[in-house]
C-alpha cells in the first residue's frame, strides 16, 4: 500500500505521455494527408499546363476564355470556358466527342447541336455538362466542415456510368481550376467585339482575353513570368467567403480594396452563383481570377454585375495557392506576396484610372498576371512544386492509364484505368470522373480479363 501513490503517479505519467504521443502521431497523419491532397492538386494543375501546351502546338493559340457557338436558339452563347477546349488533351476524348458532335438525350429525344447549349443549361437534359472530369477537381479544396459533397469516391458495382457521379448535379459540375486575366478589372468580364481591339489589348492584360486569340508569342513578359491558371475554392465544396461573391459593390474599379471592406463589414447581398460552380463556364466570375487582391481574398461584382467582377485565387491550403505559369511550372504563392497598392485604380482608358501599358499597380502579384507590360520580376517568387512523374513498363495499356473496358456481351464500354484486382475475383476501375467501378472479373470480355491480370502482375512487379 505504501507504493500505491508512486504506482499511481507512474500510471498517470505514462497515460499523459501516451496521450501526447498519440496526439503527435494523429497530427502527423493529418499533416501527411493534407500534403498528399495538396500534391495531387498541384499534379492536376501540371496536367492542365501540359494540355495547354499540347493545345497550343496543335492550334498555334491558347484556348479562349469564351468560345463556342452563337447566333441562334440552342447555342451556348460563346460562354464555354477553356477547360472544355482542353478535354481532348486531358484524356477526355469520349466526353469531347459527345460535346463536339450532335447529341441526343436518349430519355426524351431532345437533340442538341455540336458544342452543346449554354453552360447553365439543365445538366439532366444535356448530360455532358453534368460531371466535371476528376482532373479538374482539387481534393484539398473540399472543406470537411462543409458537408456539401463527400470526399470519398463513389463506388458502383456495374461497368456502366452512373446516372449522377457524385449524387449531386451541383457538386459534380464544379471545378477548382480557374484561368487568369491578370490585373484586368475594367469590364473584364465582357466579350470583346472585333471593332474594340484597342479595349481588348489595352485593358485586357492577362494571358486569356475573353473571346480573342492569344498565343505564347504575345506574352512579351515571358511565359515563365506569366500566370495561366490557379486554384479556386468552389461554392460546391465550401460556402465560405472565398467561394461566394458579394454582389453590386460600387466603385471597385477605382478602388479594389472596397471589396475587402465590404466583406469585413458583412455582406448582405450575395450573388446567386459562386466560384467554380460550373466547370464548363467561361464567365470570369465563375471560371477565372485576377491578380489584384492577394491570394485567398474575397470576391465581388461591381455595379456592372458579371461584366466587371473582382475575383481572387483561393484554396484550402495553408497560407497560399498553387498557380500554373505559362511555361508549365506550378508554384506555390503565399498570401503575403507583394500586391502593391490595392487601393490604386484599375488599368482602364477611362479618366482617373491607371493608363493602359503601365506597370501593374498591384506589385509582384499583379506583374505575374500581365502578359505584355514590360515588367521585369527580379529574383525568385513562390515555391516551385516538383513535377511528379509516373513510369510504366508498357504503353498506353499500362496499369494506371486510361483505356476502354468492355463487358462480356460487348454492349457496355467504359473508359477507365485499372486500380487493382481484389481477391482475384473483382476488378476495380476508376473512370474519367473519379467513380470507382467494382465488377466481377469474369464479367469482362476475355481480352480484358487477360489484360487486367497482366497489368496487375506488372504493377506488382514494379513495386
Protein backbone atom coordinates (compact mmCIF):
# COMPACT_ATOMS: atom_id res chain seq x y z
CA UNK A 1 0.00 0.00 0.00
CA UNK A 2 2.95 2.29 0.62
CA UNK A 3 3.86 2.13 -3.08
CA UNK A 4 0.33 3.00 -4.23
CA UNK A 5 0.95 6.76 -4.66
CA UNK A 6 4.15 6.04 -6.60
CA UNK A 7 2.43 3.49 -8.84
CA UNK A 8 -0.48 5.86 -9.41
CA UNK A 9 1.90 8.67 -10.31
CA UNK A 10 3.70 6.41 -12.77
CA UNK A 11 0.39 5.35 -14.30
CA UNK A 12 -0.75 8.95 -14.70
CA UNK A 13 2.61 9.92 -16.19
CA UNK A 14 2.51 7.03 -18.64
CA UNK A 15 -1.06 7.89 -19.62
CA UNK A 16 -0.15 11.52 -20.25
CA UNK A 17 2.87 10.51 -22.32
CA UNK A 18 0.73 8.09 -24.31
CA UNK A 19 -1.83 10.83 -24.98
CA UNK A 20 0.91 13.22 -26.09
CA UNK A 21 2.44 10.64 -28.42
CA UNK A 22 -0.99 9.73 -29.82
CA UNK A 23 -1.76 13.39 -30.45
CA UNK A 24 1.56 13.93 -32.21
CA UNK A 25 1.01 10.84 -34.36
CA UNK A 26 -2.51 11.98 -35.24
CA UNK A 27 -1.26 15.45 -36.16
CA UNK A 28 1.42 13.92 -38.36
CA UNK A 29 -1.16 11.72 -40.10
CA UNK A 30 -3.37 14.75 -40.72
CA UNK A 31 -0.38 16.73 -41.99
CA UNK A 32 0.65 13.98 -44.39
CA UNK A 33 -2.87 13.57 -45.70
CA UNK A 34 -3.11 17.31 -46.30
CA UNK A 35 0.28 17.25 -48.03
CA UNK A 36 -0.85 14.35 -50.20
CA UNK A 37 -4.03 16.18 -51.24
CA UNK A 38 -2.04 19.34 -51.91
CA UNK A 39 0.41 17.37 -54.03
CA UNK A 40 -2.46 15.88 -56.04
CA UNK A 41 -3.92 19.35 -56.62
CA UNK A 42 -0.56 20.57 -57.92
CA UNK A 43 -0.17 17.49 -60.13
CA UNK A 44 -3.56 18.10 -61.75
CA UNK A 45 -2.60 21.71 -62.36
CA UNK A 46 0.56 20.42 -64.04
CA UNK A 47 -1.60 18.20 -66.26
CA UNK A 48 -3.66 21.23 -67.28
CA UNK A 49 -0.43 23.01 -68.16
CA UNK A 50 0.67 20.13 -70.35
CA UNK A 51 -2.76 20.14 -72.02
CA UNK A 52 -2.48 23.88 -72.73
CA UNK A 53 0.91 23.41 -74.39
CA UNK A 54 -0.36 20.50 -76.47
CA UNK A 55 -3.37 22.59 -77.49
CA UNK A 56 -1.07 25.44 -78.47
CA UNK A 57 1.10 23.07 -80.51
CA UNK A 58 -1.98 21.85 -82.36
CA UNK A 59 -3.74 25.19 -82.98
CA UNK A 60 -0.97 27.81 -82.57
CA UNK A 61 -3.00 29.63 -79.94
CA UNK A 62 -4.27 29.24 -76.40
CA UNK A 63 -7.83 28.08 -75.72
CA UNK A 64 -10.08 31.10 -75.45
CA UNK A 65 -11.73 32.16 -72.23
CA UNK A 66 -15.02 32.47 -74.14
CA UNK A 67 -15.67 30.10 -77.03
CA UNK A 68 -18.44 28.10 -78.63
CA UNK A 69 -21.45 28.88 -80.80
CA UNK A 70 -23.72 31.90 -81.10
CA UNK A 71 -26.38 33.47 -83.27
CA UNK A 72 -29.50 31.46 -82.59
CA UNK A 73 -31.53 29.29 -80.23
CA UNK A 74 -29.77 26.31 -78.77
CA UNK A 75 -26.31 27.88 -78.94
CA UNK A 76 -24.03 28.22 -75.94
CA UNK A 77 -23.71 32.00 -76.44
CA UNK A 78 -19.91 31.66 -76.71
CA UNK A 79 -19.67 31.13 -72.98
CA UNK A 80 -17.70 27.88 -72.86
CA UNK A 81 -14.54 28.13 -70.79
CA UNK A 82 -11.04 26.92 -71.74
CA UNK A 83 -11.42 23.69 -69.76
CA UNK A 84 -13.91 22.48 -72.38
CA UNK A 85 -11.44 23.03 -75.22
CA UNK A 86 -8.75 21.18 -73.26
CA UNK A 87 -10.79 17.97 -72.90
CA UNK A 88 -9.10 16.07 -75.78
CA UNK A 89 -5.72 16.91 -74.27
CA UNK A 90 -6.62 15.73 -70.75
CA UNK A 91 -7.56 12.17 -71.70
CA UNK A 92 -11.25 13.08 -72.05
CA UNK A 93 -11.73 12.22 -75.72
CA UNK A 94 -15.04 10.41 -75.18
CA UNK A 95 -16.57 13.38 -73.37
CA UNK A 96 -15.21 15.73 -76.01
CA UNK A 97 -16.80 13.68 -78.79
CA UNK A 98 -20.17 13.89 -77.05
CA UNK A 99 -19.86 17.67 -76.80
CA UNK A 100 -18.37 18.41 -80.22
CA UNK A 101 -20.93 16.31 -82.12
CA UNK A 102 -24.74 16.45 -82.23
CA UNK A 103 -26.07 14.91 -79.03
CA UNK A 104 -29.39 13.16 -78.44
CA UNK A 105 -30.87 12.65 -74.99
CA UNK A 106 -31.96 9.01 -75.14
CA UNK A 107 -34.66 9.52 -72.49
CA UNK A 108 -36.64 12.33 -74.14
CA UNK A 109 -35.20 12.51 -77.66
CA UNK A 110 -34.03 16.13 -77.33
CA UNK A 111 -31.42 16.97 -79.96
CA UNK A 112 -28.54 19.35 -79.23
CA UNK A 113 -26.22 20.90 -81.77
CA UNK A 114 -22.43 20.46 -81.62
CA UNK A 115 -20.74 22.19 -78.67
CA UNK A 116 -23.94 21.99 -76.69
CA UNK A 117 -26.19 24.60 -75.08
CA UNK A 118 -25.23 27.32 -72.60
CA UNK A 119 -23.15 26.19 -69.60
CA UNK A 120 -26.06 26.91 -67.26
CA UNK A 121 -28.49 24.73 -69.24
CA UNK A 122 -30.16 21.86 -67.34
CA UNK A 123 -27.41 19.20 -66.99
CA UNK A 124 -30.01 16.47 -66.55
CA UNK A 125 -31.20 17.17 -70.10
CA UNK A 126 -27.80 17.81 -71.70
CA UNK A 127 -25.87 15.21 -69.73
CA UNK A 128 -22.30 16.02 -70.93
CA UNK A 129 -22.46 19.10 -68.70
CA UNK A 130 -23.33 17.00 -65.68
CA UNK A 131 -19.94 15.88 -64.39
CA UNK A 132 -16.58 17.59 -64.31
CA UNK A 133 -13.62 15.34 -65.08
CA UNK A 134 -11.77 14.29 -61.94
CA UNK A 135 -8.66 16.05 -63.24
CA UNK A 136 -10.49 19.40 -62.90
CA UNK A 137 -11.09 18.90 -59.17
CA UNK A 138 -8.71 19.58 -56.28
CA UNK A 139 -9.40 17.32 -53.28
CA UNK A 140 -7.67 19.74 -50.90
CA UNK A 141 -10.28 22.40 -51.72
CA UNK A 142 -13.04 20.34 -50.16
CA UNK A 143 -13.66 21.58 -46.64
CA UNK A 144 -14.61 18.68 -44.33
CA UNK A 145 -16.58 21.09 -42.14
CA UNK A 146 -18.95 21.87 -45.02
CA UNK A 147 -20.86 18.70 -45.77
CA UNK A 148 -21.78 19.63 -49.32
CA UNK A 149 -20.14 16.71 -51.07
CA UNK A 150 -18.44 13.54 -49.96
CA UNK A 151 -14.65 13.39 -50.01
CA UNK A 152 -14.74 9.65 -50.59
CA UNK A 153 -15.13 8.47 -54.20
CA UNK A 154 -18.42 6.93 -55.19
CA UNK A 155 -18.35 3.16 -55.74
CA UNK A 156 -20.67 1.35 -58.15
CA UNK A 157 -20.92 -2.34 -58.99
CA UNK A 158 -21.53 -2.03 -62.71
CA UNK A 159 -19.39 -1.19 -65.72
CA UNK A 160 -21.95 1.38 -66.88
CA UNK A 161 -21.60 5.03 -65.92
CA UNK A 162 -23.87 6.02 -63.01
CA UNK A 163 -26.67 8.50 -63.62
CA UNK A 164 -25.08 11.06 -61.31
CA UNK A 165 -21.46 10.52 -60.44
CA UNK A 166 -21.43 12.44 -57.16
CA UNK A 167 -25.04 12.25 -56.03
CA UNK A 168 -25.40 15.98 -56.63
CA UNK A 169 -25.51 17.71 -60.01
CA UNK A 170 -24.23 20.91 -58.43
CA UNK A 171 -21.20 19.24 -56.85
CA UNK A 172 -20.38 17.11 -59.87
CA UNK A 173 -20.32 20.15 -62.18
CA UNK A 174 -17.78 22.03 -60.08
CA UNK A 175 -14.14 22.80 -60.80
CA UNK A 176 -11.26 24.10 -58.70
CA UNK A 177 -9.08 25.45 -61.52
CA UNK A 178 -9.61 28.90 -63.00
CA UNK A 179 -7.93 30.86 -65.80
CA UNK A 180 -6.05 34.15 -65.40
CA UNK A 181 -6.99 37.53 -66.85
CA UNK A 182 -4.12 39.15 -64.96
CA UNK A 183 -4.70 42.51 -63.32
CA UNK A 184 -7.58 43.39 -65.67
CA UNK A 185 -10.68 44.71 -63.93
CA UNK A 186 -12.47 47.35 -66.01
CA UNK A 187 -15.17 45.49 -67.97
CA UNK A 188 -13.01 42.37 -67.70
CA UNK A 189 -15.98 40.01 -67.96
CA UNK A 190 -17.24 41.33 -71.31
CA UNK A 191 -16.75 39.53 -74.62
CA UNK A 192 -14.69 41.66 -77.00
CA UNK A 193 -16.09 42.71 -80.37
CA UNK A 194 -13.90 43.00 -83.46
CA UNK A 195 -14.18 46.78 -83.55
CA UNK A 196 -12.97 47.09 -79.97
CA UNK A 197 -9.48 45.61 -80.25
CA UNK A 198 -7.87 48.60 -78.53
CA UNK A 199 -10.01 47.90 -75.49
CA UNK A 200 -9.11 44.22 -75.66
CA UNK A 201 -5.37 44.65 -75.78
CA UNK A 202 -5.18 47.76 -73.61
CA UNK A 203 -7.38 46.90 -70.66
CA UNK A 204 -7.32 43.11 -71.03
CA UNK A 205 -3.81 42.41 -69.79
CA UNK A 206 -3.84 38.71 -68.89
CA UNK A 207 -2.86 35.68 -70.92
CA UNK A 208 -6.57 34.93 -71.52
CA UNK A 209 -8.76 37.55 -73.22
CA UNK A 210 -12.46 36.70 -73.37
CA UNK A 211 -13.17 35.56 -76.94
CA UNK A 212 -9.93 36.77 -78.53
CA UNK A 213 -6.99 34.79 -79.86
CA UNK A 214 -3.79 34.83 -77.79
CA UNK A 215 -0.64 32.82 -78.44
CA UNK A 216 2.58 32.43 -76.49
CA UNK A 217 4.34 34.88 -78.79
CA UNK A 218 2.00 37.59 -77.46
CA UNK A 219 3.38 37.09 -73.95
CA UNK A 220 6.15 39.68 -74.10
CA UNK A 221 6.88 39.49 -70.36
CA UNK A 222 7.93 35.85 -70.75
CA UNK A 223 5.82 32.76 -70.21
CA UNK A 224 7.85 31.82 -67.12
CA UNK A 225 6.72 35.10 -65.52
CA UNK A 226 3.06 34.99 -66.57
CA UNK A 227 0.28 33.01 -64.88
CA UNK A 228 -2.20 30.86 -66.78
CA UNK A 229 -4.30 29.09 -64.12
CA UNK A 230 -4.75 28.98 -60.37
CA UNK A 231 -6.88 27.24 -57.79
CA UNK A 232 -10.27 28.38 -56.53
CA UNK A 233 -12.43 27.08 -53.71
CA UNK A 234 -15.70 26.11 -55.37
CA UNK A 235 -19.01 27.09 -53.84
CA UNK A 236 -19.97 23.44 -54.34
CA UNK A 237 -17.27 22.46 -51.84
CA UNK A 238 -17.39 25.15 -49.22
CA UNK A 239 -19.75 28.05 -48.56
CA UNK A 240 -17.14 30.42 -47.18
CA UNK A 241 -16.23 33.93 -48.26
CA UNK A 242 -13.62 32.65 -50.71
CA UNK A 243 -16.21 30.73 -52.71
CA UNK A 244 -19.12 33.19 -52.58
CA UNK A 245 -19.26 36.53 -54.39
CA UNK A 246 -20.57 39.80 -52.97
CA UNK A 247 -22.98 41.48 -55.35
CA UNK A 248 -23.25 45.11 -56.51
CA UNK A 249 -20.16 46.62 -54.86
CA UNK A 250 -19.87 50.13 -56.26
CA UNK A 251 -16.52 51.67 -57.08
CA UNK A 252 -14.18 48.67 -57.07
CA UNK A 253 -12.76 49.70 -60.45
CA UNK A 254 -11.41 52.88 -58.88
CA UNK A 255 -10.52 51.19 -55.58
CA UNK A 256 -10.35 47.37 -55.49
CA UNK A 257 -9.84 47.38 -51.71
CA UNK A 258 -13.54 48.25 -51.35
CA UNK A 259 -14.20 44.55 -51.92
CA UNK A 260 -12.18 43.74 -48.80
CA UNK A 261 -14.04 46.41 -46.86
CA UNK A 262 -17.47 45.09 -47.85
CA UNK A 263 -16.57 41.61 -46.65
CA UNK A 264 -15.16 42.96 -43.38
CA UNK A 265 -18.35 44.92 -42.76
CA UNK A 266 -20.53 41.90 -43.51
CA UNK A 267 -22.02 41.10 -46.90
CA UNK A 268 -25.79 41.41 -47.16
CA UNK A 269 -26.17 40.85 -50.91
CA UNK A 270 -24.62 37.66 -52.32
CA UNK A 271 -24.60 36.71 -56.00
CA UNK A 272 -26.73 33.61 -56.56
CA UNK A 273 -23.88 31.78 -58.34
CA UNK A 274 -20.47 31.07 -56.87
CA UNK A 275 -16.85 30.44 -57.75
CA UNK A 276 -16.11 27.31 -59.78
CA UNK A 277 -19.76 26.26 -59.75
CA UNK A 278 -19.70 25.06 -63.38
CA UNK A 279 -16.55 23.54 -64.90
CA UNK A 280 -17.70 24.37 -68.44
CA UNK A 281 -18.45 28.06 -67.83
CA UNK A 282 -16.09 30.72 -69.16
CA UNK A 283 -17.79 33.52 -67.22
CA UNK A 284 -14.94 35.30 -65.43
CA UNK A 285 -16.75 35.43 -62.10
CA UNK A 286 -17.15 31.64 -62.17
CA UNK A 287 -14.18 30.28 -64.10
CA UNK A 288 -11.44 32.93 -63.90
CA UNK A 289 -9.40 35.01 -61.47
CA UNK A 290 -7.46 38.27 -61.28
CA UNK A 291 -4.08 39.07 -59.77
CA UNK A 292 -5.19 42.18 -57.90
CA UNK A 293 -6.19 41.28 -54.34
CA UNK A 294 -3.88 38.83 -52.50
CA UNK A 295 -4.48 35.08 -52.80
CA UNK A 296 -7.34 33.83 -50.62
CA UNK A 297 -9.04 37.23 -50.66
CA UNK A 298 -12.81 37.56 -51.11
CA UNK A 299 -14.53 38.25 -54.44
CA UNK A 300 -17.06 40.86 -55.58
CA UNK A 301 -19.14 42.04 -58.53
CA UNK A 302 -19.21 45.74 -59.31
CA UNK A 303 -22.34 47.68 -60.18
CA UNK A 304 -21.93 46.24 -63.71
CA UNK A 305 -22.52 42.71 -62.41
CA UNK A 306 -20.74 39.82 -64.14
CA UNK A 307 -19.39 42.23 -66.76
CA UNK A 308 -16.98 43.57 -64.14
CA UNK A 309 -16.07 41.10 -61.38
CA UNK A 310 -13.13 41.17 -59.00
CA UNK A 311 -12.39 37.53 -58.22
CA UNK A 312 -9.45 36.05 -56.35
CA UNK A 313 -7.40 32.88 -56.42
CA UNK A 314 -8.17 30.73 -53.37
CA UNK A 315 -7.57 27.33 -51.82
CA UNK A 316 -7.88 25.33 -48.61
CA UNK A 317 -4.09 25.01 -48.36
CA UNK A 318 -2.28 26.70 -45.52
CA UNK A 319 -1.26 30.28 -46.37
CA UNK A 320 -1.35 30.26 -50.15
CA UNK A 321 -2.40 28.85 -53.52
CA UNK A 322 -0.89 26.90 -56.39
CA UNK A 323 -0.52 28.75 -59.68
CA UNK A 324 0.36 27.46 -63.15
CA UNK A 325 2.87 29.54 -65.07
CA UNK A 326 2.96 29.85 -68.83
CA UNK A 327 5.95 27.52 -69.09
CA UNK A 328 4.02 24.75 -67.33
CA UNK A 329 5.73 25.13 -63.95
CA UNK A 330 3.49 25.02 -60.86
CA UNK A 331 4.41 27.31 -57.98
CA UNK A 332 3.01 27.84 -54.50
CA UNK A 333 2.33 31.52 -53.85
CA UNK A 334 1.94 32.83 -50.31
CA UNK A 335 -0.97 35.00 -49.23
CA UNK A 336 1.63 37.59 -48.23
CA UNK A 337 3.05 38.10 -51.74
CA UNK A 338 3.67 41.74 -52.66
CA UNK A 339 0.39 43.14 -54.02
CA UNK A 340 1.45 46.76 -54.32
CA UNK A 341 -1.34 49.25 -53.64
CA UNK A 342 -4.75 47.55 -53.74
CA UNK A 343 -6.39 50.96 -53.38
CA UNK A 344 -4.92 52.04 -56.75
CA UNK A 345 -7.39 52.37 -59.65
CA UNK A 346 -7.54 49.58 -62.20
CA UNK A 347 -5.99 49.83 -65.66
CA UNK A 348 -8.52 51.49 -67.94
CA UNK A 349 -8.88 54.02 -70.74
CA UNK A 350 -11.28 55.97 -68.53
CA UNK A 351 -10.05 59.18 -66.94
CA UNK A 352 -8.59 58.89 -63.46
CA UNK A 353 -7.62 55.24 -63.95
CA UNK A 354 -4.19 53.63 -64.33
CA UNK A 355 -3.32 54.01 -68.05
CA UNK A 356 -3.07 51.01 -70.40
CA UNK A 357 0.51 49.90 -70.91
CA UNK A 358 1.62 50.86 -67.40
CA UNK A 359 3.31 48.51 -64.98
CA UNK A 360 0.89 46.77 -62.69
CA UNK A 361 -0.16 48.84 -59.66
CA UNK A 362 -0.54 45.58 -57.74
CA UNK A 363 3.07 44.62 -57.12
CA UNK A 364 4.63 41.29 -57.99
CA UNK A 365 1.23 39.57 -57.87
CA UNK A 366 -0.14 41.95 -60.49
CA UNK A 367 3.01 41.64 -62.60
CA UNK A 368 2.63 37.86 -62.69
CA UNK A 369 -0.76 38.37 -64.30
CA UNK A 370 0.10 40.83 -67.07
CA UNK A 371 1.42 39.37 -70.31
CA UNK A 372 2.96 42.41 -72.01
CA UNK A 373 3.54 45.29 -69.59
CA UNK A 374 7.34 45.13 -69.97
CA UNK A 375 7.76 44.22 -66.33
CA UNK A 376 10.92 42.60 -65.01
CA UNK A 377 10.48 40.40 -61.96
CA UNK A 378 13.80 40.33 -60.13
CA UNK A 379 14.74 37.15 -58.30
CA UNK A 380 12.63 34.13 -57.48
CA UNK A 381 8.98 34.26 -56.49
CA UNK A 382 6.93 31.49 -54.98
CA UNK A 383 7.96 27.93 -54.27
CA UNK A 384 8.37 25.62 -57.26
CA UNK A 385 6.34 22.42 -56.87
CA UNK A 386 8.36 19.44 -58.15
CA UNK A 387 6.74 17.59 -61.00
CA UNK A 388 5.54 14.08 -60.27
CA UNK A 389 6.37 11.60 -62.97
CA UNK A 390 4.97 8.12 -63.45
CA UNK A 391 6.92 5.42 -65.23
CA UNK A 392 5.29 2.38 -66.80
CA UNK A 393 6.97 -0.54 -68.44
CA UNK A 394 4.25 -0.82 -71.03
CA UNK A 395 2.44 1.55 -73.35
CA UNK A 396 -1.00 3.17 -73.10
CA UNK A 397 -2.44 -0.05 -71.70
CA UNK A 398 -0.18 0.03 -68.65
CA UNK A 399 -1.75 -0.12 -65.21
CA UNK A 400 -2.93 3.27 -64.02
CA UNK A 401 -3.56 4.66 -67.51
CA UNK A 402 -6.89 5.18 -69.24
CA UNK A 403 -8.18 2.62 -71.72
CA UNK A 404 -11.53 1.23 -72.86
CA UNK A 405 -13.01 -1.75 -70.98
CA UNK A 406 -15.81 -3.92 -72.38
CA UNK A 407 -18.23 -6.33 -70.73
CA UNK A 408 -18.58 -9.95 -71.81
CA UNK A 409 -21.57 -9.22 -74.07
CA UNK A 410 -19.81 -6.32 -75.77
CA UNK A 411 -22.73 -3.98 -75.00
CA UNK A 412 -21.19 -1.77 -72.31
CA UNK A 413 -17.92 0.09 -72.72
CA UNK A 414 -16.17 2.24 -70.14
CA UNK A 415 -13.10 4.42 -70.40
CA UNK A 416 -11.24 3.91 -67.14
CA UNK A 417 -7.95 2.93 -65.56
CA UNK A 418 -7.24 -0.23 -63.60
CA UNK A 419 -6.83 0.40 -59.88
CA UNK A 420 -6.45 -3.16 -58.59
CA UNK A 421 -7.80 -6.70 -58.60
CA UNK A 422 -9.44 -7.60 -55.29
CA UNK A 423 -9.01 -11.19 -54.06
CA UNK A 424 -8.56 -12.40 -57.64
CA UNK A 425 -12.30 -12.06 -58.24
CA UNK A 426 -13.17 -8.37 -58.52
CA UNK A 427 -11.73 -5.70 -60.80
CA UNK A 428 -11.67 -2.10 -59.55
CA UNK A 429 -11.65 0.54 -62.29
CA UNK A 430 -11.62 4.33 -61.92
CA UNK A 431 -13.46 6.19 -64.68
CA UNK A 432 -12.77 9.65 -66.08
CA UNK A 433 -14.80 11.44 -63.39
CA UNK A 434 -13.35 9.56 -60.43
CA UNK A 435 -16.10 6.97 -59.86
CA UNK A 436 -14.85 3.51 -58.84
CA UNK A 437 -16.40 0.56 -60.71
CA UNK A 438 -16.03 -2.77 -58.88
CA UNK A 439 -17.19 -5.58 -61.15
CA UNK A 440 -16.63 -9.35 -61.20
CA UNK A 441 -13.54 -10.28 -63.16
CA UNK A 442 -15.47 -12.83 -65.21
CA UNK A 443 -17.98 -10.16 -66.31
CA UNK A 444 -15.36 -8.58 -68.58
CA UNK A 445 -14.50 -9.70 -72.08
CA UNK A 446 -11.84 -12.40 -72.38
CA UNK A 447 -9.39 -9.86 -73.76
CA UNK A 448 -9.94 -7.51 -70.82
CA UNK A 449 -9.68 -10.34 -68.27
CA UNK A 450 -6.28 -11.27 -69.64
CA UNK A 451 -5.24 -7.63 -69.89
CA UNK A 452 -6.29 -6.78 -66.32
CA UNK A 453 -4.41 -9.77 -64.89
CA UNK A 454 -1.25 -8.93 -66.83
CA UNK A 455 -1.45 -5.25 -65.85
CA UNK A 456 -1.93 -6.20 -62.19
CA UNK A 457 1.07 -8.53 -62.28
CA UNK A 458 3.12 -5.84 -64.00
CA UNK A 459 2.17 -3.31 -61.34
CA UNK A 460 3.11 -5.71 -58.52
CA UNK A 461 6.46 -6.41 -60.18
CA UNK A 462 7.25 -2.68 -60.38
CA UNK A 463 6.62 -2.28 -56.67
